[in-house]
Protein backbone atom coordinates (compact mmCIF):
# COMPACT_ATOMS: atom_id res chain seq x y z
CA MET A 1 -59.26 -66.14 -12.91
CA GLU A 2 -61.05 -65.58 -16.18
CA MET A 3 -59.31 -64.25 -19.29
CA GLU A 4 -61.11 -60.87 -19.12
CA GLU A 5 -59.80 -60.24 -15.59
CA ALA A 6 -56.24 -61.09 -16.69
CA TRP A 7 -56.48 -58.65 -19.61
CA LYS A 8 -57.70 -55.89 -17.24
CA ILE A 9 -54.63 -56.42 -15.05
CA ILE A 10 -52.19 -56.51 -17.98
CA ASN A 11 -53.76 -53.72 -20.06
CA PRO A 12 -52.26 -50.70 -18.21
CA LEU A 13 -48.76 -52.08 -18.92
CA CYS A 14 -49.31 -53.29 -22.47
CA ARG A 15 -50.60 -50.69 -24.93
CA GLU A 16 -50.61 -53.23 -27.76
CA LEU A 17 -52.67 -55.82 -25.85
CA ASN A 18 -55.73 -55.86 -28.13
CA GLU A 19 -53.58 -55.80 -31.26
CA LEU A 20 -51.48 -58.74 -30.02
CA ILE A 21 -54.59 -60.75 -29.15
CA ASN A 22 -56.32 -59.98 -32.45
CA ASP A 23 -53.32 -60.86 -34.62
CA GLY A 24 -52.79 -64.18 -32.81
CA SER A 25 -49.52 -63.20 -31.11
CA LEU A 26 -50.74 -63.48 -27.50
CA PHE A 27 -52.75 -66.29 -25.89
CA PHE A 28 -54.20 -66.58 -22.38
CA ILE A 29 -53.46 -69.98 -20.81
CA LYS A 30 -54.64 -69.55 -17.21
CA GLY A 31 -54.61 -67.20 -14.27
CA GLN A 32 -54.85 -67.64 -10.54
CA PHE A 33 -54.74 -65.66 -7.32
CA ASP A 34 -52.21 -66.84 -4.74
CA GLU A 35 -53.84 -66.18 -1.37
CA ILE A 36 -50.61 -66.84 0.54
CA ASN A 37 -48.66 -63.94 -0.99
CA GLY A 38 -51.58 -61.90 -2.35
CA MET A 39 -50.37 -61.98 -5.96
CA TYR A 40 -51.99 -62.79 -9.26
CA ASN A 41 -50.16 -65.22 -11.54
CA ILE A 42 -51.06 -65.01 -15.22
CA TYR A 43 -49.81 -67.58 -17.74
CA LEU A 44 -49.55 -66.70 -21.43
CA ASN A 45 -48.12 -67.95 -24.70
CA SER A 46 -46.72 -65.20 -26.87
CA LYS A 47 -44.81 -64.51 -30.06
CA LYS A 48 -44.34 -60.86 -29.07
CA ILE A 49 -44.99 -58.64 -26.06
CA HIS A 50 -44.21 -55.03 -25.17
CA ILE A 51 -44.53 -54.02 -21.52
CA SER A 52 -43.92 -50.55 -20.08
CA SER A 53 -44.91 -48.82 -16.85
CA ARG A 54 -46.54 -45.45 -17.44
CA GLY A 55 -48.85 -44.68 -14.54
CA LEU A 56 -48.20 -43.77 -10.94
CA ARG A 57 -49.69 -47.07 -9.79
CA ASP A 58 -47.92 -49.17 -12.46
CA SER A 59 -44.41 -50.52 -12.10
CA ILE A 60 -42.25 -53.32 -13.41
CA GLY A 61 -40.44 -55.04 -10.58
CA ASP A 62 -38.22 -57.80 -11.88
CA ILE A 63 -37.75 -59.83 -15.04
CA GLU A 64 -36.44 -63.38 -15.24
CA TYR A 65 -35.81 -65.65 -18.23
CA HIS A 66 -35.30 -69.41 -17.84
CA ASN A 67 -35.94 -72.40 -20.13
CA ASN A 68 -37.78 -70.35 -22.77
CA ARG A 69 -40.12 -68.86 -20.14
CA LEU A 70 -40.15 -65.20 -19.23
CA ARG A 71 -41.44 -64.02 -15.84
CA ILE A 72 -42.26 -60.37 -15.29
CA GLY A 73 -43.15 -59.19 -11.80
CA PHE A 74 -45.18 -55.96 -11.80
CA ARG A 75 -47.89 -53.79 -10.27
CA SER A 76 -50.79 -52.69 -12.41
CA ASN A 77 -53.14 -50.13 -10.89
CA GLY A 78 -51.56 -51.11 -7.57
CA ILE A 79 -52.34 -54.83 -8.06
CA PRO A 80 -49.26 -57.08 -7.61
CA ALA A 81 -48.89 -59.75 -10.29
CA ASN A 82 -46.55 -61.99 -12.21
CA ILE A 83 -46.84 -62.79 -15.89
CA PHE A 84 -45.33 -66.10 -16.98
CA ILE A 85 -44.84 -66.13 -20.74
CA ASP A 86 -43.89 -69.17 -22.77
CA LEU A 87 -42.28 -67.81 -25.92
CA ILE A 88 -43.59 -69.47 -29.09
């Protein structure tokens, strides 16, 4: 997965996405599609993030924090995904 595709998936849930990228608070590490479970996994480093579900096809499923890594399971425009964020 390329960075631009990851941003398209995250954008409906993160209004501040461009601002966070431009001010150096959010960094794309890698992204991949898991064919077994049909989910996208997106890996980021971040100093700050604000996620909210606003659309009919957007939802936040579950949130987990472990060893300084945050995982957020969500749907964005109906696309299932996980964001793994290493907090910096």
